Amino acid sequence: MTFVDFEVTPGGALRGGVPVPTDKSIAHRALILGALASGPSQLQGVAPLGATAVTRRALEALGVRFTEESPGQLRVQGVGLGGLRPPAAPIDCGGSGTSFRLLAGLLAAQRFASTLSADAYLSQRPMARVVAPLRRRGAVIEGRFHPSRAGELLPPLAIGPLPPGAALLECEESLPIPSAQVKSALLLSGLYADGNTYIREPVVSRDHTERMLRALGVPVQAVASMVELDVAQWNRRIPPFSIQIPGDLSSAAFLLVGALLLPGSELTLRQVGLNPTRRGFLEYLRDVGAPLAVEERGDQMGEPLGDLQLMYGGPLRHGSLGGETLVRAIDEVPAVCVLAARSEGVTEICDAAELRVKESDRLAAMARVLRAFGVRCEELPDGLRIEGQPEGPLQAAEVESGGDHRIAMAATLLALVADGPSRVQDVGCVGTSFPRFAGTLRALGVAVRAVERDSQ
């Protein structure tokens, strides 16, 4: 077996203006709703690689046709709510947890059987949190029992069909942990249900599904952390649409942090999504003194976007990240850890137990990576305490990504401020969210090279 590693030579600076990969959270939803629309929709900026390609292939297996009309321009021939067809084989979601959970909600409402499978990493992620509420509204779903956690289910999932004459029921769920994926799965299943869908969260998780549904005329209302889908007020038709997918703030975060690490950096990132439920990372940067400018530039189907400008200004002060802000920055925690390693004082991250069931246990993985580069770090049950080392280089290291794209990118940034060349192993996972990460870093002025390695 052949693996891909990053070889990183420290130094350089990030200078220039680049777009970032389009927001895969929005792209997943645009692909699914385009497939359910009553005619052709136009999607600009859906990445041909990475996690969104998983959702596209899944929808193709369900009978939806896609046409590449020009580079980055995708035409989706919607089949309507009742037009999906039984897949000929299990649907492989690879390592995309968003694809897996959103498709589980969609497929739970169908009158045919289907199976969702996953790669080795995603197959270890718990799925009871999405399966249980879908079952409570009448879905037929079976999974693989967790070997040590009673009641927990793992992929693959065998879904449906609904019994003859049956339909999904009204549901009222209070989610114990904020989760945009679980919330979206319930809303997608609710498009087919006989009754309404009510969802309450402890705090508001990202709301891309709600915004897109409202823009398409679906009666979704949100008050604080309560969301309601009222199907009685709807004609069960999703109109065709056109959308330019904004850039991904989670991917932009790694470039912004790189610029804050390297003296002489000056960076502009264009057309980045600025959804309020995703802006926790930008608020963290403001709180620790980062010289960041945000210029808003309108919206796409209710999703605000804008340009980000930042230049190196010396070490930042320590910060803290937790509570409601942590929920709105959950994917950016590895990037925050990198910044904390080069900030003054001790940074504390808390309320992040959710990160223990991502593509990896991200708290344990980041603690391991930070220590490999010589950064003092205490792992907490729900977070990390990181002692900044703003002066002098870190120690060079060779670290494993653990198959997690955000851990791989975080380790690459730490290597840029080390005292010699470093290697980040098994970085093929970076393609999940930022397929051209190494090439973008090189274009901006630093030395990161992808090399193949044969397994021993």
Protein backbone atom coordinates (compact mmCIF):
# COMPACT_ATOMS: atom_id res chain seq x y z
CA MET A 1 0.00 0.00 0.00
CA THR A 2 1.21 3.51 -0.82
CA PHE A 3 0.67 6.49 1.47
CA VAL A 4 1.14 10.21 0.83
CA ASP A 5 3.08 12.33 3.33
CA PHE A 6 3.85 16.04 3.55
CA GLU A 7 7.52 17.03 3.81
CA VAL A 8 7.65 20.51 5.34
CA THR A 9 10.62 22.88 5.34
CA PRO A 10 10.16 25.67 7.91
CA GLY A 11 10.20 29.36 7.09
CA GLY A 12 8.75 31.56 4.38
CA ALA A 13 5.62 33.67 4.57
CA LEU A 14 2.09 33.52 3.17
CA ARG A 15 1.63 36.41 0.77
CA GLY A 16 -1.11 36.91 -1.79
CA GLY A 17 -4.82 36.56 -2.43
CA VAL A 18 -6.48 33.20 -3.07
CA PRO A 19 -9.94 31.66 -3.02
CA VAL A 20 -10.45 28.82 -0.58
CA PRO A 21 -12.27 25.53 -1.22
CA THR A 22 -16.01 25.95 -1.37
CA ASP A 23 -17.96 25.25 1.81
CA LYS A 24 -18.69 21.55 1.81
CA SER A 25 -21.40 21.89 4.47
CA ILE A 26 -23.37 24.13 2.11
CA ALA A 27 -22.43 22.08 -0.97
CA HIS A 28 -23.71 18.81 0.56
CA ARG A 29 -27.08 20.44 1.20
CA ALA A 30 -27.23 22.14 -2.20
CA LEU A 31 -26.59 18.79 -3.92
CA ILE A 32 -29.32 17.03 -1.93
CA LEU A 33 -31.93 19.77 -2.32
CA GLY A 34 -31.04 20.14 -6.00
CA ALA A 35 -31.69 16.42 -6.40
CA LEU A 36 -35.12 16.81 -4.72
CA ALA A 37 -36.10 19.90 -6.72
CA SER A 38 -38.77 19.78 -9.40
CA GLY A 39 -36.43 20.70 -12.25
CA PRO A 40 -32.81 21.55 -13.13
CA SER A 41 -30.70 23.59 -10.68
CA GLN A 42 -27.35 25.29 -11.24
CA LEU A 43 -24.59 24.91 -8.64
CA GLN A 44 -21.42 26.96 -9.04
CA GLY A 45 -18.34 25.91 -7.08
CA VAL A 46 -19.10 22.33 -6.04
CA ALA A 47 -15.70 20.66 -5.67
CA PRO A 48 -15.13 17.66 -7.98
CA LEU A 49 -13.05 16.02 -5.24
CA GLY A 50 -13.39 15.46 -1.53
CA ALA A 51 -16.42 14.88 0.67
CA THR A 52 -18.97 16.58 -1.57
CA ALA A 53 -18.07 14.19 -4.37
CA VAL A 54 -19.25 11.41 -2.04
CA THR A 55 -22.71 13.00 -1.81
CA ARG A 56 -22.84 13.48 -5.57
CA ARG A 57 -21.96 9.82 -6.23
CA ALA A 58 -24.57 8.72 -3.70
CA LEU A 59 -27.27 10.76 -5.41
CA GLU A 60 -26.21 9.40 -8.79
CA ALA A 61 -26.67 5.90 -7.36
CA LEU A 62 -30.21 7.00 -6.44
CA GLY A 63 -30.99 7.99 -10.04
CA VAL A 64 -30.10 11.70 -10.07
CA ARG A 65 -28.27 13.04 -13.14
CA PHE A 66 -25.50 15.65 -12.97
CA THR A 67 -23.90 17.51 -15.87
CA GLU A 68 -20.64 19.50 -15.80
CA GLU A 69 -21.60 22.51 -17.94
CA SER A 70 -18.29 24.35 -17.42
CA PRO A 71 -15.42 24.18 -14.91
CA GLY A 72 -17.03 24.46 -11.51
CA GLN A 73 -20.56 24.73 -12.95
CA LEU A 74 -22.77 21.75 -12.13
CA ARG A 75 -26.30 21.14 -13.40
CA VAL A 76 -28.50 18.94 -11.22
CA GLN A 77 -31.57 17.41 -12.83
CA GLY A 78 -33.94 17.30 -9.87
CA VAL A 79 -36.30 14.36 -9.62
CA GLY A 80 -38.73 15.74 -7.03
CA LEU A 81 -39.43 14.34 -3.58
CA GLY A 82 -40.78 11.07 -4.96
CA GLY A 83 -38.28 10.51 -7.74
CA LEU A 84 -35.34 8.77 -6.06
CA ARG A 85 -34.70 5.19 -7.18
CA PRO A 86 -33.36 2.13 -5.32
CA PRO A 87 -29.56 1.88 -5.47
CA ALA A 88 -28.08 -1.19 -7.12
CA ALA A 89 -25.43 -1.60 -4.39
CA PRO A 90 -24.51 -0.23 -0.96
CA ILE A 91 -23.77 3.49 -1.02
CA ASP A 92 -20.15 4.13 0.01
CA CYS A 93 -19.82 7.34 2.05
CA GLY A 94 -16.06 6.95 2.46
CA GLY A 95 -14.97 9.17 5.35
CA SER A 96 -17.68 11.82 4.99
CA GLY A 97 -19.72 11.94 8.17
CA THR A 98 -21.90 14.72 6.77
CA SER A 99 -22.78 12.63 3.70
CA PHE A 100 -23.54 9.64 5.90
CA ARG A 101 -25.83 11.36 8.39
CA LEU A 102 -27.70 13.59 5.92
CA LEU A 103 -28.28 10.66 3.56
CA ALA A 104 -29.51 8.57 6.50
CA GLY A 105 -32.24 11.16 7.07
CA LEU A 106 -33.16 11.27 3.39
CA LEU A 107 -33.16 7.50 2.88
CA ALA A 108 -35.13 6.84 6.06
CA ALA A 109 -38.19 8.30 4.31
CA GLN A 110 -37.98 6.16 1.14
CA ARG A 111 -40.09 3.14 0.18
CA PHE A 112 -37.05 1.17 -0.94
CA ALA A 113 -34.20 -0.40 0.99
CA SER A 114 -30.67 0.95 0.97
CA THR A 115 -27.38 0.50 2.79
CA LEU A 116 -24.89 3.17 3.80
CA SER A 117 -21.29 2.00 4.22
CA ALA A 118 -18.15 3.87 5.30
CA ASP A 119 -14.37 3.67 5.36
CA ALA A 120 -12.37 2.29 8.28
CA TYR A 121 -12.29 5.63 10.13
CA LEU A 122 -15.97 6.58 9.72
CA SER A 123 -17.00 3.00 10.54
CA GLN A 124 -15.84 3.65 14.12
CA ARG A 125 -17.96 6.79 14.58
CA PRO A 126 -21.16 6.46 16.63
CA MET A 127 -24.44 6.74 14.74
CA ALA A 128 -27.07 6.09 17.43
CA ARG A 129 -27.53 9.83 17.90
CA VAL A 130 -29.02 10.11 14.40
CA VAL A 131 -30.56 6.62 14.18
CA ALA A 132 -32.53 6.84 17.45
CA PRO A 133 -34.60 9.96 16.60
CA LEU A 134 -35.24 8.68 13.07
CA ARG A 135 -36.48 5.38 14.51
CA ARG A 136 -38.76 7.27 16.89
CA ARG A 137 -40.51 8.83 13.92
CA GLY A 138 -40.98 5.44 12.29
CA ALA A 139 -37.84 4.81 10.24
CA VAL A 140 -36.55 1.27 9.79
CA ILE A 141 -32.78 1.28 10.41
CA GLU A 142 -30.35 -1.39 11.57
CA GLY A 143 -26.65 -1.01 12.27
CA ARG A 144 -23.64 -2.78 13.70
CA PHE A 145 -23.52 -2.96 17.48
CA HIS A 146 -20.61 -1.19 19.16
CA PRO A 147 -18.29 -3.78 20.76
CA SER A 148 -18.07 -1.99 24.11
CA ARG A 149 -20.81 0.68 24.34
CA ALA A 150 -24.27 -0.76 24.90
CA GLY A 151 -26.92 0.78 22.68
CA GLU A 152 -24.43 2.41 20.31
CA LEU A 153 -24.54 1.68 16.58
CA LEU A 154 -21.79 1.84 13.98
CA PRO A 155 -21.80 1.81 10.17
CA PRO A 156 -22.85 0.22 7.93
CA LEU A 157 -26.54 1.05 8.28
CA ALA A 158 -29.32 -0.90 6.57
CA ILE A 159 -32.19 1.53 5.99
CA GLY A 160 -35.84 0.90 5.11
CA PRO A 161 -37.98 0.33 3.31
CA LEU A 162 -40.93 1.91 5.09
CA PRO A 163 -43.74 -0.63 5.52
CA PRO A 164 -46.50 -0.46 2.86
CA GLY A 165 -48.86 2.41 3.58
CA ALA A 166 -46.68 3.80 6.36
CA ALA A 167 -45.18 7.27 6.51
CA LEU A 168 -42.79 8.97 8.88
CA LEU A 169 -44.48 10.53 11.88
CA GLU A 170 -44.34 13.94 13.48
CA CYS A 171 -41.32 14.25 15.74
CA GLU A 172 -40.35 16.46 18.62
CA GLU A 173 -36.71 16.02 19.63
CA SER A 174 -34.52 17.73 22.21
CA LEU A 175 -30.95 17.02 21.17
CA PRO A 176 -28.64 16.58 24.18
CA ILE A 177 -25.66 17.81 22.14
CA PRO A 178 -25.88 20.50 19.42
CA SER A 179 -25.47 18.79 16.04
CA ALA A 180 -26.14 20.31 12.64
CA GLN A 181 -25.85 16.86 11.05
CA VAL A 182 -28.52 15.27 13.26
CA LYS A 183 -30.75 18.34 12.96
CA SER A 184 -30.40 18.29 9.16
CA ALA A 185 -31.11 14.55 8.95
CA LEU A 186 -34.36 15.10 10.86
CA LEU A 187 -35.34 18.07 8.67
CA LEU A 188 -34.66 16.11 5.47
CA SER A 189 -36.72 13.19 6.74
CA GLY A 190 -39.39 15.71 7.73
CA LEU A 191 -39.86 16.77 4.11
CA TYR A 192 -41.64 13.40 3.67
CA ALA A 193 -43.36 13.09 7.05
CA ASP A 194 -47.10 13.16 7.80
CA GLY A 195 -46.55 15.57 10.67
CA ASN A 196 -44.34 18.44 11.66
CA THR A 197 -40.73 18.32 12.80
CA TYR A 198 -39.70 20.12 16.01
CA ILE A 199 -36.05 20.18 17.11
CA ARG A 200 -34.54 21.87 20.13
CA GLU A 201 -30.78 22.15 20.83
CA PRO A 202 -28.92 23.37 23.92
CA VAL A 203 -27.45 26.13 21.70
CA VAL A 204 -27.86 26.82 18.00
CA SER A 205 -25.65 24.68 15.77
CA ARG A 206 -24.85 25.70 12.19
CA ASP A 207 -28.06 26.47 10.31
CA HIS A 208 -27.24 25.96 6.62
CA THR A 209 -30.15 23.55 6.09
CA GLU A 210 -32.68 25.92 7.64
CA ARG A 211 -31.46 28.88 5.59
CA MET A 212 -31.51 26.97 2.32
CA LEU A 213 -34.95 25.47 2.93
CA ARG A 214 -36.40 28.88 3.78
CA ALA A 215 -34.87 30.37 0.63
CA LEU A 216 -36.69 27.64 -1.34
CA GLY A 217 -40.05 28.38 0.24
CA VAL A 218 -40.13 25.47 2.68
CA PRO A 219 -41.85 26.61 5.91
CA VAL A 220 -39.00 26.30 8.38
CA GLN A 221 -39.03 28.64 11.36
CA ALA A 222 -36.29 29.11 13.95
CA VAL A 223 -36.68 30.82 17.31
CA ALA A 224 -33.52 30.80 19.40
CA SER A 225 -32.45 27.13 19.49
CA MET A 226 -35.87 25.76 18.42
CA VAL A 227 -36.51 24.80 14.77
CA GLU A 228 -39.89 23.86 13.29
CA LEU A 229 -40.77 22.43 9.88
CA ASP A 230 -44.53 22.87 9.34
CA VAL A 231 -45.44 20.61 6.41
CA ALA A 232 -49.12 21.54 6.60
CA GLN A 233 -48.18 24.96 5.18
CA TRP A 234 -46.26 23.53 2.23
CA ASN A 235 -47.09 22.14 -1.22
CA ARG A 236 -44.35 19.46 -1.02
CA ARG A 237 -42.51 20.99 -3.97
CA ILE A 238 -38.91 22.28 -3.98
CA PRO A 239 -38.33 24.74 -6.84
CA PRO A 240 -35.16 24.66 -8.97
CA PHE A 241 -32.51 27.16 -7.90
CA SER A 242 -29.11 28.64 -8.67
CA ILE A 243 -26.37 29.12 -6.08
CA GLN A 244 -22.72 30.16 -5.92
CA ILE A 245 -21.28 28.09 -3.05
CA PRO A 246 -19.32 30.37 -0.66
CA GLY A 247 -15.77 29.57 0.39
CA ASP A 248 -15.26 27.38 3.45
CA LEU A 249 -14.37 29.27 6.62
CA SER A 250 -13.02 26.05 8.16
CA SER A 251 -10.47 25.75 5.34
CA ALA A 252 -9.75 29.49 5.43
CA ALA A 253 -8.93 29.14 9.14
CA PHE A 254 -5.76 27.15 8.43
CA LEU A 255 -4.45 29.75 5.97
CA LEU A 256 -5.26 32.58 8.40
CA VAL A 257 -3.42 30.81 11.21
CA GLY A 258 -0.46 30.15 8.91
CA ALA A 259 -0.25 33.88 8.19
CA LEU A 260 -0.38 34.67 11.91
CA LEU A 261 2.56 32.30 12.53
CA LEU A 262 4.96 33.54 9.84
CA PRO A 263 6.53 37.03 9.92
CA GLY A 264 6.03 38.96 6.67
CA SER A 265 2.72 37.29 5.83
CA GLU A 266 -0.06 39.28 4.20
CA LEU A 267 -3.12 37.37 3.04
CA THR A 268 -6.48 38.02 1.35
CA LEU A 269 -9.12 35.29 1.14
CA ARG A 270 -12.07 35.97 -1.15
CA GLN A 271 -15.77 35.06 -1.06
CA VAL A 272 -15.63 33.20 2.26
CA GLY A 273 -18.87 32.14 3.96
CA LEU A 274 -19.72 34.29 6.99
CA ASN A 275 -22.71 32.45 8.40
CA PRO A 276 -23.27 33.68 12.01
CA THR A 277 -23.39 30.09 13.28
CA ARG A 278 -19.88 29.57 11.87
CA ARG A 279 -18.16 32.80 12.96
CA GLY A 280 -16.89 31.67 16.36
CA PHE A 281 -13.34 31.31 15.00
CA LEU A 282 -13.32 34.90 13.69
CA GLU A 283 -14.56 36.10 17.08
CA TYR A 284 -11.74 34.16 18.75
CA LEU A 285 -9.19 35.86 16.47
CA ARG A 286 -10.62 39.25 17.40
CA ASP A 287 -10.43 38.43 21.11
CA VAL A 288 -6.73 37.47 20.97
CA GLY A 289 -5.77 40.56 18.97
CA ALA A 290 -5.38 39.29 15.39
CA PRO A 291 -5.24 42.12 12.81
CA LEU A 292 -8.15 40.76 10.76
CA ALA A 293 -10.41 42.81 8.49
CA VAL A 294 -13.76 41.44 7.27
CA GLU A 295 -15.53 42.99 4.25
CA GLU A 296 -19.00 41.60 3.67
CA ARG A 297 -20.12 41.11 0.06
CA GLY A 298 -23.77 40.06 0.01
CA ASP A 299 -25.25 36.59 0.31
CA GLN A 300 -26.22 33.42 -1.57
CA MET A 301 -29.58 31.85 -0.68
CA GLY A 302 -29.40 33.40 2.76
CA GLU A 303 -25.71 32.59 3.29
CA PRO A 304 -23.63 35.76 3.88
CA LEU A 305 -20.13 35.90 2.40
CA GLY A 306 -17.20 38.31 2.23
CA ASP A 307 -13.45 38.84 1.97
CA LEU A 308 -10.94 38.36 4.80
CA GLN A 309 -7.68 40.32 5.00
CA LEU A 310 -4.95 39.65 7.54
CA MET A 311 -1.25 40.34 8.05
CA TYR A 312 1.30 39.11 10.54
CA GLY A 313 1.49 41.38 13.59
CA GLY A 314 3.62 39.47 16.07
CA PRO A 315 2.60 36.96 18.77
CA LEU A 316 -1.00 37.11 19.94
CA ARG A 317 -2.23 37.01 23.52
CA HIS A 318 -3.63 33.81 24.99
CA GLY A 319 -7.34 33.16 24.81
CA SER A 320 -10.11 30.81 25.86
CA LEU A 321 -12.65 29.01 23.73
CA GLY A 322 -15.75 27.34 25.12
CA GLY A 323 -19.50 27.53 25.51
CA GLU A 324 -21.63 28.89 22.70
CA THR A 325 -18.61 30.26 20.83
CA LEU A 326 -17.01 26.80 20.81
CA VAL A 327 -20.12 25.35 19.13
CA ARG A 328 -19.73 27.95 16.37
CA ALA A 329 -16.03 27.10 15.98
CA ILE A 330 -16.09 23.34 16.46
CA ASP A 331 -14.30 22.50 13.20
CA GLU A 332 -11.67 25.18 13.74
CA VAL A 333 -10.43 23.88 17.12
CA PRO A 334 -7.31 22.23 15.59
CA ALA A 335 -6.43 25.57 13.98
CA VAL A 336 -6.96 27.33 17.32
CA CYS A 337 -4.61 24.79 18.93
CA VAL A 338 -1.87 25.73 16.44
CA LEU A 339 -2.33 29.42 17.14
CA ALA A 340 -2.30 28.76 20.90
CA ALA A 341 1.06 27.01 20.54
CA ARG A 342 2.59 30.32 19.34
CA SER A 343 0.55 32.72 21.50
CA GLU A 344 1.60 34.30 24.78
CA GLY A 345 0.46 32.58 27.96
CA VAL A 346 -1.84 29.60 28.43
CA THR A 347 -4.87 29.04 26.20
CA GLU A 348 -7.73 26.87 27.43
CA ILE A 349 -10.28 25.09 25.23
CA CYS A 350 -13.30 23.58 27.00
CA ASP A 351 -16.80 22.21 26.29
CA ALA A 352 -15.35 20.33 23.31
CA ALA A 353 -16.11 16.70 24.23
CA GLU A 354 -17.86 16.40 20.84
CA LEU A 355 -14.38 16.41 19.24
CA ARG A 356 -13.70 12.97 20.69
CA VAL A 357 -16.07 11.43 18.11
CA LYS A 358 -15.03 13.24 14.93
CA GLU A 359 -12.83 11.69 12.21
CA SER A 360 -10.52 10.97 15.13
CA ASP A 361 -10.48 11.81 18.82
CA ARG A 362 -9.33 15.32 17.93
CA LEU A 363 -8.50 16.32 21.49
CA ALA A 364 -6.19 13.34 21.99
CA ALA A 365 -4.79 13.70 18.46
CA MET A 366 -3.98 17.40 18.86
CA ALA A 367 -2.40 16.79 22.27
CA ARG A 368 -0.18 14.15 20.65
CA VAL A 369 0.80 16.42 17.76
CA LEU A 370 1.49 19.45 19.95
CA ARG A 371 3.74 17.44 22.27
CA ALA A 372 5.61 16.00 19.28
CA PHE A 373 6.57 19.54 18.32
CA GLY A 374 7.66 20.33 21.88
CA VAL A 375 4.56 22.28 22.97
CA ARG A 376 3.38 21.70 26.53
CA CYS A 377 -0.22 20.61 26.55
CA GLU A 378 -2.61 19.18 29.15
CA GLU A 379 -5.48 17.07 27.89
CA LEU A 380 -8.77 17.70 29.71
CA PRO A 381 -11.92 15.55 29.57
CA ASP A 382 -13.59 18.13 27.34
CA GLY A 383 -10.70 20.18 26.02
CA LEU A 384 -7.04 21.17 26.16
CA ARG A 385 -4.80 23.56 28.08
CA ILE A 386 -1.93 24.72 25.85
CA GLU A 387 1.16 26.60 27.02
CA GLY A 388 2.24 29.00 24.28
CA GLN A 389 5.81 29.15 23.01
CA PRO A 390 5.87 32.43 21.05
CA GLU A 391 9.65 32.79 20.92
CA GLY A 392 12.12 30.49 19.21
CA PRO A 393 11.33 27.59 16.91
CA LEU A 394 9.44 24.47 17.84
CA GLN A 395 11.22 21.13 17.56
CA ALA A 396 10.98 19.31 14.24
CA ALA A 397 8.85 16.17 14.31
CA GLU A 398 7.44 13.28 12.36
CA VAL A 399 3.76 12.80 13.17
CA GLU A 400 0.78 10.75 12.02
CA SER A 401 -2.45 12.34 10.83
CA GLY A 402 -4.54 9.44 12.10
CA GLY A 403 -6.60 9.77 8.93
CA ASP A 404 -8.02 13.13 10.04
CA HIS A 405 -7.73 15.99 7.54
CA ARG A 406 -7.82 18.76 10.13
CA ILE A 407 -5.12 17.12 12.25
CA ALA A 408 -2.93 16.75 9.14
CA MET A 409 -3.32 20.43 8.25
CA ALA A 410 -2.70 21.56 11.84
CA ALA A 411 0.51 19.51 12.01
CA THR A 412 1.68 21.00 8.69
CA LEU A 413 1.32 24.53 10.08
CA LEU A 414 3.26 23.65 13.25
CA ALA A 415 6.03 22.25 11.06
CA LEU A 416 6.41 25.65 9.37
CA VAL A 417 7.77 27.12 12.62
CA ALA A 418 9.98 24.15 13.61
CA ASP A 419 13.78 24.10 13.83
CA GLY A 420 14.19 21.78 10.84
CA PRO A 421 12.32 19.73 8.25
CA SER A 422 9.31 17.75 9.49
CA ARG A 423 7.07 15.07 8.03
CA VAL A 424 3.31 14.62 8.39
CA GLN A 425 2.33 11.05 7.52
CA ASP A 426 -0.81 9.79 5.79
CA VAL A 427 -2.17 13.08 4.43
CA GLY A 428 -4.43 11.67 1.72
CA CYS A 429 -7.28 12.55 4.09
CA VAL A 430 -6.65 16.27 3.46
CA GLY A 431 -8.51 15.82 0.18
CA THR A 432 -11.72 15.53 2.23
CA SER A 433 -11.85 19.31 2.70
CA PHE A 434 -8.83 20.97 1.04
CA PRO A 435 -7.57 18.87 -1.90
CA ARG A 436 -5.00 21.49 -3.00
CA PHE A 437 -3.79 22.42 0.49
CA ALA A 438 -0.08 21.79 -0.19
CA GLY A 439 -0.23 23.49 -3.59
CA THR A 440 -1.97 26.54 -2.13
CA LEU A 441 0.67 26.86 0.60
CA ARG A 442 3.45 26.63 -2.00
CA ALA A 443 1.78 29.25 -4.18
CA LEU A 444 1.60 31.58 -1.18
CA GLY A 445 5.30 31.15 -0.38
CA VAL A 446 6.13 28.20 1.89
CA ALA A 447 7.75 24.81 1.24
CA VAL A 448 5.31 21.91 1.62
CA ARG A 449 5.77 18.92 -0.66
CA ALA A 450 3.62 15.82 -1.05
CA VAL A 451 5.66 12.61 -1.36
CA GLU A 452 4.62 8.98 -1.72
CA ARG A 453 5.68 6.36 0.82
CA ASP A 454 5.29 2.60 0.66
CA SER A 455 3.90 0.98 3.79
CA GLN A 456 6.38 -1.18 5.68
